[in-house]
C-alpha atoms as a PDB file:
ATOM      1  CA  UNK A   1       7.998  70.794-188.516  1.00  0.00           C
ATOM      2  CA  UNK A   2       4.499  70.952-189.986  1.00  0.00           C
ATOM      3  CA  UNK A   3       3.743  67.472-188.701  1.00  0.00           C
ATOM      4  CA  UNK A   4       4.969  68.406-185.222  1.00  0.00           C
ATOM      5  CA  UNK A   5       2.706  71.566-185.166  1.00  0.00           C
ATOM      6  CA  UNK A   6      -0.326  69.492-186.300  1.00  0.00           C
ATOM      7  CA  UNK A   7       0.254  66.936-183.479  1.00  0.00           C
ATOM      8  CA  UNK A   8       0.602  69.720-180.940  1.00  0.00           C
ATOM      9  CA  UNK A   9      -2.685  71.315-182.168  1.00  0.00           C
ATOM     10  CA  UNK A  10      -4.487  67.969-182.033  1.00  0.00           C
ATOM     11  CA  UNK A  11      -3.300  67.438-178.429  1.00  0.00           C
ATOM     12  CA  UNK A  12      -4.381  70.987-177.352  1.00  0.00           C
ATOM     13  CA  UNK A  13      -7.822  70.414-178.941  1.00  0.00           C
ATOM     14  CA  UNK A  14      -8.244  67.134-177.055  1.00  0.00           C
ATOM     15  CA  UNK A  15      -7.193  68.691-173.774  1.00  0.00           C
ATOM     16  CA  UNK A  16      -9.506  71.561-174.257  1.00  0.00           C
ATOM     17  CA  UNK A  17     -12.397  69.297-175.134  1.00  0.00           C
ATOM     18  CA  UNK A  18     -11.682  67.155-171.994  1.00  0.00           C
ATOM     19  CA  UNK A  19     -11.594  70.215-169.717  1.00  0.00           C
ATOM     20  CA  UNK A  20     -14.843  71.510-171.137  1.00  0.00           C
ATOM     21  CA  UNK A  21     -16.587  68.196-170.488  1.00  0.00           C
ATOM     22  CA  UNK A  22     -15.310  68.246-166.913  1.00  0.00           C
ATOM     23  CA  UNK A  23     -16.700  71.626-166.120  1.00  0.00           C
ATOM     24  CA  UNK A  24     -19.924  71.354-168.004  1.00  0.00           C
ATOM     25  CA  UNK A  25     -23.019  71.777-165.727  1.00  0.00           C
ATOM     26  CA  UNK A  26     -26.720  71.296-165.989  1.00  0.00           C
ATOM     27  CA  UNK A  27     -28.139  74.712-165.083  1.00  0.00           C
ATOM     28  CA  UNK A  28     -31.505  73.212-164.101  1.00  0.00           C
ATOM     29  CA  UNK A  29     -29.749  71.269-161.325  1.00  0.00           C
ATOM     30  CA  UNK A  30     -27.740  74.162-159.869  1.00  0.00           C
ATOM     31  CA  UNK A  31     -28.544  75.181-156.348  1.00  0.00           C
ATOM     32  CA  UNK A  32     -27.082  78.365-154.721  1.00  0.00           C
ATOM     33  CA  UNK A  33     -27.262  78.137-150.938  1.00  0.00           C
ATOM     34  CA  UNK A  34     -26.659  80.975-148.505  1.00  0.00           C
ATOM     35  CA  UNK A  35     -26.228  80.404-144.718  1.00  0.00           C
ATOM     36  CA  UNK A  36     -26.661  83.643-142.760  1.00  0.00           C
ATOM     37  CA  UNK A  37     -26.878  84.349-139.054  1.00  0.00           C
ATOM     38  CA  UNK A  38     -28.858  87.617-138.938  1.00  0.00           C
ATOM     39  CA  UNK A  39     -28.387  88.661-135.326  1.00  0.00           C
ATOM     40  CA  UNK A  40     -32.127  88.806-134.787  1.00  0.00           C
ATOM     41  CA  UNK A  41     -32.398  91.781-137.105  1.00  0.00           C
ATOM     42  CA  UNK A  42     -29.962  93.990-135.242  1.00  0.00           C
ATOM     43  CA  UNK A  43     -26.972  95.268-137.117  1.00  0.00           C
ATOM     44  CA  UNK A  44     -23.491  95.526-135.649  1.00  0.00           C
ATOM     45  CA  UNK A  45     -24.155  99.193-135.099  1.00  0.00           C
ATOM     46  CA  UNK A  46     -27.425  98.489-133.275  1.00  0.00           C
ATOM     47  CA  UNK A  47     -29.912 100.199-135.602  1.00  0.00           C
ATOM     48  CA  UNK A  48     -32.209  97.239-136.495  1.00  0.00           C
ATOM     49  CA  UNK A  49     -32.105  97.513-140.303  1.00  0.00           C
ATOM     50  CA  UNK A  50     -33.737  94.604-142.227  1.00  0.00           C
ATOM     51  CA  UNK A  51     -32.856  96.266-145.507  1.00  0.00           C
ATOM     52  CA  UNK A  52     -29.156  95.729-144.797  1.00  0.00           C
ATOM     53  CA  UNK A  53     -29.797  91.956-144.362  1.00  0.00           C
ATOM     54  CA  UNK A  54     -32.041  91.837-147.421  1.00  0.00           C
ATOM     55  CA  UNK A  55     -29.365  93.646-149.436  1.00  0.00           C
ATOM     56  CA  UNK A  56     -26.849  90.881-148.792  1.00  0.00           C
ATOM     57  CA  UNK A  57     -29.345  88.260-149.857  1.00  0.00           C
ATOM     58  CA  UNK A  58     -30.452  90.025-152.968  1.00  0.00           C
ATOM     59  CA  UNK A  59     -26.893  90.711-154.117  1.00  0.00           C
ATOM     60  CA  UNK A  60     -25.806  87.091-153.619  1.00  0.00           C
ATOM     61  CA  UNK A  61     -29.001  85.849-155.437  1.00  0.00           C
ATOM     62  CA  UNK A  62     -29.346  82.393-153.703  1.00  0.00           C
ATOM     63  CA  UNK A  63     -31.985  79.836-154.383  1.00  0.00           C
ATOM     64  CA  UNK A  64     -32.121  78.746-150.736  1.00  0.00           C
ATOM     65  CA  UNK A  65     -31.324  80.633-147.628  1.00  0.00           C
ATOM     66  CA  UNK A  66     -30.798  79.188-144.110  1.00  0.00           C
ATOM     67  CA  UNK A  67     -31.332  82.003-141.541  1.00  0.00           C
ATOM     68  CA  UNK A  68     -30.212  81.771-137.908  1.00  0.00           C
ATOM     69  CA  UNK A  69     -31.145  83.890-134.918  1.00  0.00           C
ATOM     70  CA  UNK A  70     -34.487  84.662-136.325  1.00  0.00           C
ATOM     71  CA  UNK A  71     -37.151  86.429-134.182  1.00  0.00           C
ATOM     72  CA  UNK A  72     -40.854  86.127-134.582  1.00  0.00           C
ATOM     73  CA  UNK A  73     -42.907  88.920-132.999  1.00  0.00           C
ATOM     74  CA  UNK A  74     -40.440  89.537-130.175  1.00  0.00           C
ATOM     75  CA  UNK A  75     -40.228  92.859-128.393  1.00  0.00           C
ATOM     76  CA  UNK A  76     -36.611  93.372-129.310  1.00  0.00           C
ATOM     77  CA  UNK A  77     -37.376  92.862-133.045  1.00  0.00           C
ATOM     78  CA  UNK A  78     -40.267  95.507-132.796  1.00  0.00           C
ATOM     79  CA  UNK A  79     -42.868  92.778-133.099  1.00  0.00           C
ATOM     80  CA  UNK A  80     -41.709  91.981-136.687  1.00  0.00           C
ATOM     81  CA  UNK A  81     -42.015  88.473-138.235  1.00  0.00           C
ATOM     82  CA  UNK A  82     -38.420  88.663-139.515  1.00  0.00           C
ATOM     83  CA  UNK A  83     -38.410  85.815-142.007  1.00  0.00           C
ATOM     84  CA  UNK A  84     -41.637  87.066-143.632  1.00  0.00           C
ATOM     85  CA  UNK A  85     -40.287  90.591-143.724  1.00  0.00           C
ATOM     86  CA  UNK A  86     -37.139  89.354-145.482  1.00  0.00           C
ATOM     87  CA  UNK A  87     -39.208  87.249-147.843  1.00  0.00           C
ATOM     88  CA  UNK A  88     -41.171  90.242-148.903  1.00  0.00           C
ATOM     89  CA  UNK A  89     -37.978  92.278-149.517  1.00  0.00           C
ATOM     90  CA  UNK A  90     -36.262  89.442-151.465  1.00  0.00           C
ATOM     91  CA  UNK A  91     -39.308  87.983-153.207  1.00  0.00           C
ATOM     92  CA  UNK A  92     -38.777  84.547-151.811  1.00  0.00           C
ATOM     93  CA  UNK A  93     -41.002  82.022-149.959  1.00  0.00           C
ATOM     94  CA  UNK A  94     -40.564  82.042-146.044  1.00  0.00           C
ATOM     95  CA  UNK A  95     -40.635  79.487-143.337  1.00  0.00           C
ATOM     96  CA  UNK A  96     -40.111  80.069-139.656  1.00  0.00           C
ATOM     97  CA  UNK A  97     -39.418  77.169-137.214  1.00  0.00           C
ATOM     98  CA  UNK A  98     -39.605  77.936-133.468  1.00  0.00           C
ATOM     99  CA  UNK A  99     -36.802  76.745-131.199  1.00  0.00           C
ATOM    100  CA  UNK A 100     -38.208  78.450-128.069  1.00  0.00           C
ATOM    101  CA  UNK A 101     -40.528  81.184-126.781  1.00  0.00           C
ATOM    102  CA  UNK A 102     -38.640  84.381-126.226  1.00  0.00           C
ATOM    103  CA  UNK A 103     -39.209  88.040-125.260  1.00  0.00           C
ATOM    104  CA  UNK A 104     -42.930  88.105-125.966  1.00  0.00           C
ATOM    105  CA  UNK A 105     -42.677  86.130-129.170  1.00  0.00           C
ATOM    106  CA  UNK A 106     -40.543  83.242-130.511  1.00  0.00           C
ATOM    107  CA  UNK A 107     -36.951  82.619-131.623  1.00  0.00           C
ATOM    108  CA  UNK A 108     -35.593  80.013-133.971  1.00  0.00           C
ATOM    109  CA  UNK A 109     -34.717  79.273-137.635  1.00  0.00           C
ATOM    110  CA  UNK A 110     -35.807  80.690-140.902  1.00  0.00           C
ATOM    111  CA  UNK A 111     -35.693  79.512-144.501  1.00  0.00           C
ATOM    112  CA  UNK A 112     -36.176  81.474-147.702  1.00  0.00           C
ATOM    113  CA  UNK A 113     -36.667  79.685-151.002  1.00  0.00           C
ATOM    114  CA  UNK A 114     -37.112  80.667-154.684  1.00  0.00           C
ATOM    115  CA  UNK A 115     -39.179  77.512-155.040  1.00  0.00           C
ATOM    116  CA  UNK A 116     -42.393  76.552-153.343  1.00  0.00           C
ATOM    117  CA  UNK A 117     -42.483  73.895-150.479  1.00  0.00           C
ATOM    118  CA  UNK A 118     -43.680  70.355-151.027  1.00  0.00           C
ATOM    119  CA  UNK A 119     -43.500  69.771-147.275  1.00  0.00           C
ATOM    120  CA  UNK A 120     -41.940  71.227-144.184  1.00  0.00           C
ATOM    121  CA  UNK A 121     -41.002  70.094-140.673  1.00  0.00           C
ATOM    122  CA  UNK A 122     -39.448  71.382-137.512  1.00  0.00           C
ATOM    123  CA  UNK A 123     -37.232  68.925-135.680  1.00  0.00           C
ATOM    124  CA  UNK A 124     -36.299  69.871-132.030  1.00  0.00           C
ATOM    125  CA  UNK A 125     -32.680  69.056-131.154  1.00  0.00           C
ATOM    126  CA  UNK A 126     -31.478  67.819-127.786  1.00  0.00           C
ATOM    127  CA  UNK A 127     -30.123  70.171-125.181  1.00  0.00           C
ATOM    128  CA  UNK A 128     -29.168  70.227-121.526  1.00  0.00           C
ATOM    129  CA  UNK A 129     -31.889  71.747-119.284  1.00  0.00           C
ATOM    130  CA  UNK A 130     -31.086  75.315-118.577  1.00  0.00           C
ATOM    131  CA  UNK A 131     -29.321  75.732-121.911  1.00  0.00           C
ATOM    132  CA  UNK A 132     -30.833  77.297-125.035  1.00  0.00           C
ATOM    133  CA  UNK A 133     -33.184  74.979-127.076  1.00  0.00           C
ATOM    134  CA  UNK A 134     -32.190  74.402-130.705  1.00  0.00           C
ATOM    135  CA  UNK A 135     -34.094  73.215-133.811  1.00  0.00           C
ATOM    136  CA  UNK A 136     -33.636  72.142-137.326  1.00  0.00           C
ATOM    137  CA  UNK A 137     -35.997  73.430-140.035  1.00  0.00           C
ATOM    138  CA  UNK A 138     -36.545  71.362-143.156  1.00  0.00           C
ATOM    139  CA  UNK A 139     -38.222  71.992-146.474  1.00  0.00           C
ATOM    140  CA  UNK A 140     -38.731  69.694-149.356  1.00  0.00           C
ATOM    141  CA  UNK A 141     -38.778  71.411-152.812  1.00  0.00           C
ATOM    142  CA  UNK A 142     -38.462  70.687-156.479  1.00  0.00           C
ATOM    143  CA  UNK A 143     -35.696  72.064-158.709  1.00  0.00           C
ATOM    144  CA  UNK A 144     -36.334  73.301-162.202  1.00  0.00           C
ATOM    145  CA  UNK A 145     -34.931  70.023-163.440  1.00  0.00           C
ATOM    146  CA  UNK A 146     -37.854  68.251-161.727  1.00  0.00           C
ATOM    147  CA  UNK A 147     -35.585  66.738-159.096  1.00  0.00           C
ATOM    148  CA  UNK A 148     -36.891  66.789-155.490  1.00  0.00           C
ATOM    149  CA  UNK A 149     -34.433  67.763-152.708  1.00  0.00           C
ATOM    150  CA  UNK A 150     -34.506  68.515-149.034  1.00  0.00           C
ATOM    151  CA  UNK A 151     -32.950  71.571-147.367  1.00  0.00           C
ATOM    152  CA  UNK A 152     -32.292  71.937-143.754  1.00  0.00           C
ATOM    153  CA  UNK A 153     -31.337  75.086-141.761  1.00  0.00           C
ATOM    154  CA  UNK A 154     -30.046  74.787-138.250  1.00  0.00           C
ATOM    155  CA  UNK A 155     -28.138  76.632-135.501  1.00  0.00           C
ATOM    156  CA  UNK A 156     -26.183  74.520-132.985  1.00  0.00           C
ATOM    157  CA  UNK A 157     -25.369  75.284-129.313  1.00  0.00           C
ATOM    158  CA  UNK A 158     -22.950  78.212-128.851  1.00  0.00           C
ATOM    159  CA  UNK A 159     -21.299  77.220-125.453  1.00  0.00           C
ATOM    160  CA  UNK A 160     -17.618  76.402-125.152  1.00  0.00           C
ATOM    161  CA  UNK A 161     -18.563  72.951-123.850  1.00  0.00           C
ATOM    162  CA  UNK A 162     -19.405  70.705-126.871  1.00  0.00           C
ATOM    163  CA  UNK A 163     -21.836  68.433-125.018  1.00  0.00           C
ATOM    164  CA  UNK A 164     -25.031  69.852-126.564  1.00  0.00           C
ATOM    165  CA  UNK A 165     -23.450  70.482-129.914  1.00  0.00           C
ATOM    166  CA  UNK A 166     -22.352  66.847-130.217  1.00  0.00           C
ATOM    167  CA  UNK A 167     -25.784  65.567-129.180  1.00  0.00           C
ATOM    168  CA  UNK A 168     -27.399  67.866-131.728  1.00  0.00           C
ATOM    169  CA  UNK A 169     -25.045  66.744-134.469  1.00  0.00           C
ATOM    170  CA  UNK A 170     -25.851  63.045-133.687  1.00  0.00           C
ATOM    171  CA  UNK A 171     -29.626  63.823-133.702  1.00  0.00           C
ATOM    172  CA  UNK A 172     -29.304  65.508-137.137  1.00  0.00           C
ATOM    173  CA  UNK A 173     -27.462  62.461-138.433  1.00  0.00           C
ATOM    174  CA  UNK A 174     -30.106  60.074-137.044  1.00  0.00           C
ATOM    175  CA  UNK A 175     -33.020  62.102-138.501  1.00  0.00           C
ATOM    176  CA  UNK A 176     -31.710  62.982-141.933  1.00  0.00           C
ATOM    177  CA  UNK A 177     -29.429  60.159-142.913  1.00  0.00           C
ATOM    178  CA  UNK A 178     -32.425  58.212-144.065  1.00  0.00           C
ATOM    179  CA  UNK A 179     -33.933  61.131-146.071  1.00  0.00           C
ATOM    180  CA  UNK A 180     -35.679  59.974-149.294  1.00  0.00           C
ATOM    181  CA  UNK A 181     -34.133  62.864-151.318  1.00  0.00           C
ATOM    182  CA  UNK A 182     -30.737  64.400-151.802  1.00  0.00           C
ATOM    183  CA  UNK A 183     -30.287  66.756-148.901  1.00  0.00           C
ATOM    184  CA  UNK A 184     -28.426  69.986-148.023  1.00  0.00           C
ATOM    185  CA  UNK A 185     -27.671  71.099-144.488  1.00  0.00           C
ATOM    186  CA  UNK A 186     -26.755  74.756-143.814  1.00  0.00           C
ATOM    187  CA  UNK A 187     -26.293  76.880-140.758  1.00  0.00           C
ATOM    188  CA  UNK A 188     -24.263  78.372-137.970  1.00  0.00           C
ATOM    189  CA  UNK A 189     -22.756  75.196-136.349  1.00  0.00           C
ATOM    190  CA  UNK A 190     -20.651  77.102-133.719  1.00  0.00           C
ATOM    191  CA  UNK A 191     -17.946  74.511-134.336  1.00  0.00           C
ATOM    192  CA  UNK A 192     -14.528  74.745-135.930  1.00  0.00           C
ATOM    193  CA  UNK A 193     -13.582  72.328-138.714  1.00  0.00           C
ATOM    194  CA  UNK A 194     -11.326  70.309-136.407  1.00  0.00           C
ATOM    195  CA  UNK A 195     -13.973  69.898-133.736  1.00  0.00           C
ATOM    196  CA  UNK A 196     -15.726  66.751-132.562  1.00  0.00           C
ATOM    197  CA  UNK A 197     -19.078  68.174-133.634  1.00  0.00           C
ATOM    198  CA  UNK A 198     -17.880  68.469-137.236  1.00  0.00           C
ATOM    199  CA  UNK A 199     -16.295  65.074-137.082  1.00  0.00           C
ATOM    200  CA  UNK A 200     -19.666  63.534-136.098  1.00  0.00           C
ATOM    201  CA  UNK A 201     -21.524  65.324-138.903  1.00  0.00           C
ATOM    202  CA  UNK A 202     -18.894  64.192-141.454  1.00  0.00           C
ATOM    203  CA  UNK A 203     -19.962  60.607-140.778  1.00  0.00           C
ATOM    204  CA  UNK A 204     -22.913  61.360-142.897  1.00  0.00           C
ATOM    205  CA  UNK A 205     -22.356  64.762-144.632  1.00  0.00           C
ATOM    206  CA  UNK A 206     -19.724  66.045-147.042  1.00  0.00           C
ATOM    207  CA  UNK A 207     -18.519  69.499-146.193  1.00  0.00           C
ATOM    208  CA  UNK A 208     -18.475  72.001-149.122  1.00  0.00           C
ATOM    209  CA  UNK A 209     -15.229  73.573-148.106  1.00  0.00           C
ATOM    210  CA  UNK A 210     -12.637  72.061-150.364  1.00  0.00           C
ATOM    211  CA  UNK A 211      -9.704  73.980-148.962  1.00  0.00           C
ATOM    212  CA  UNK A 212      -7.497  72.584-146.218  1.00  0.00           C
ATOM    213  CA  UNK A 213      -7.858  75.875-144.308  1.00  0.00           C
ATOM    214  CA  UNK A 214     -11.370  77.153-145.234  1.00  0.00           C
ATOM    215  CA  UNK A 215     -12.079  80.895-145.023  1.00  0.00           C
ATOM    216  CA  UNK A 216     -13.324  82.129-141.574  1.00  0.00           C
ATOM    217  CA  UNK A 217     -16.840  83.439-141.158  1.00  0.00           C
ATOM    218  CA  UNK A 218     -16.886  85.029-137.761  1.00  0.00           C
ATOM    219  CA  UNK A 219     -16.780  87.831-136.689  1.00  0.00           C
ATOM    220  CA  UNK A 220     -17.830  89.883-139.626  1.00  0.00           C
ATOM    221  CA  UNK A 221     -15.634  92.834-138.663  1.00  0.00           C
ATOM    222  CA  UNK A 222     -12.464  90.709-138.773  1.00  0.00           C
ATOM    223  CA  UNK A 223     -13.221  87.041-139.580  1.00  0.00           C
ATOM    224  CA  UNK A 224     -10.984  84.589-137.688  1.00  0.00           C
ATOM    225  CA  UNK A 225     -13.099  81.485-137.081  1.00  0.00           C
ATOM    226  CA  UNK A 226     -14.954  79.106-139.468  1.00  0.00           C
ATOM    227  CA  UNK A 227     -18.252  78.276-137.817  1.00  0.00           C
ATOM    228  CA  UNK A 228     -20.865  78.634-140.693  1.00  0.00           C
ATOM    229  CA  UNK A 229     -21.300  75.676-143.075  1.00  0.00           C
ATOM    230  CA  UNK A 230     -23.063  74.143-145.944  1.00  0.00           C
ATOM    231  CA  UNK A 231     -23.013  70.273-146.129  1.00  0.00           C
ATOM    232  CA  UNK A 232     -24.727  67.708-148.380  1.00  0.00           C
ATOM    233  CA  UNK A 233     -25.474  64.040-148.790  1.00  0.00           C
ATOM    234  CA  UNK A 234     -25.411  61.578-150.405  1.00  0.00           C
ATOM    235  CA  UNK A 235     -21.941  62.676-151.295  1.00  0.00           C
ATOM    236  CA  UNK A 236     -21.961  61.102-154.784  1.00  0.00           C
ATOM    237  CA  UNK A 237     -25.076  63.066-155.836  1.00  0.00           C
ATOM    238  CA  UNK A 238     -23.523  66.530-155.400  1.00  0.00           C
ATOM    239  CA  UNK A 239     -20.640  68.569-156.714  1.00  0.00           C
ATOM    240  CA  UNK A 240     -19.339  71.888-155.262  1.00  0.00           C
ATOM    241  CA  UNK A 241     -18.910  74.476-157.975  1.00  0.00           C
ATOM    242  CA  UNK A 242     -18.043  77.479-155.811  1.00  0.00           C
ATOM    243  CA  UNK A 243     -17.750  78.602-152.165  1.00  0.00           C
ATOM    244  CA  UNK A 244     -17.633  82.256-151.073  1.00  0.00           C
ATOM    245  CA  UNK A 245     -17.642  84.142-147.767  1.00  0.00           C
ATOM    246  CA  UNK A 246     -19.620  87.332-147.983  1.00  0.00           C
ATOM    247  CA  UNK A 247     -18.162  89.946-145.507  1.00  0.00           C
ATOM    248  CA  UNK A 248     -20.521  92.671-144.638  1.00  0.00           C
ATOM    249  CA  UNK A 249     -19.471  94.169-141.247  1.00  0.00           C
ATOM    250  CA  UNK A 250     -22.720  96.032-140.736  1.00  0.00           C
ATOM    251  CA  UNK A 251     -25.556  93.630-141.575  1.00  0.00           C
ATOM    252  CA  UNK A 252     -24.667  91.001-138.968  1.00  0.00           C
ATOM    253  CA  UNK A 253     -21.813  89.868-136.696  1.00  0.00           C
ATOM    254  CA  UNK A 254     -21.473  86.831-138.957  1.00  0.00           C
ATOM    255  CA  UNK A 255     -20.366  86.745-142.611  1.00  0.00           C
ATOM    256  CA  UNK A 256     -22.868  85.019-144.853  1.00  0.00           C
ATOM    257  CA  UNK A 257     -21.608  81.939-146.588  1.00  0.00           C
ATOM    258  CA  UNK A 258     -22.547  81.210-150.209  1.00  0.00           C
ATOM    259  CA  UNK A 259     -22.103  77.781-151.841  1.00  0.00           C
ATOM    260  CA  UNK A 260     -23.060  76.761-155.341  1.00  0.00           C
ATOM    261  CA  UNK A 261     -23.815  73.092-155.786  1.00  0.00           C
ATOM    262  CA  UNK A 262     -24.736  70.886-158.739  1.00  0.00           C
ATOM    263  CA  UNK A 263     -27.073  67.906-158.250  1.00  0.00           C
ATOM    264  CA  UNK A 264     -26.120  64.970-160.440  1.00  0.00           C
ATOM    265  CA  UNK A 265     -28.863  63.087-162.248  1.00  0.00           C
ATOM    266  CA  UNK A 266     -29.573  59.715-160.682  1.00  0.00           C
END
């Protein structure tokens, strides 16, 4: 009986040791990413409250944020530079990338980062004349580990017809598949997981949702559709540690989507 108990104890110790090694992470290579469509600063009750948006960001404590529907000095946003206002409130570094002129100012993508920028660029995406222009904002930054990564925030076409979305997905693949550094893509893609748009992106990118039926992200009042994403490549350089949909029915009509990734050493 004593021998049997000893063997069982040894087996349990070995299993525990193996599990610990599987879940061990390098904290200097952890990247928390938030994708958040901020409804150009308006809340779902129409009171334009940037503090509500900032509160979501502060409470989730991301390292990188991809913001969609970002206004820059527009009349409807009270001539605010939204990404800079949110950067001030969250103590992060801001970047705005214009997709188009709008309402006395500009409209496009925003990025917030806990880390400084090595470089930035704004890539216009294809669209059908008469439809809304779209863009992809990219930063290159350095993790605490010393690893350099790229981070892209984008917002694809919203129309029912997938024509522009598919063209935009193809352009994203063309531009970023040759990136020198491990890359994360985040944003409101206006596409369901089974769509052709997502299928095109998955030719290059791994999707962070590991569940067969990922949690919906829209609308925030009663989420029914998954349209907000975090993706990454090369697939073998990243591991998904956690995904979480943050439902705040006031801050925006979208839930924010938080993903924690680990970058593997090369």
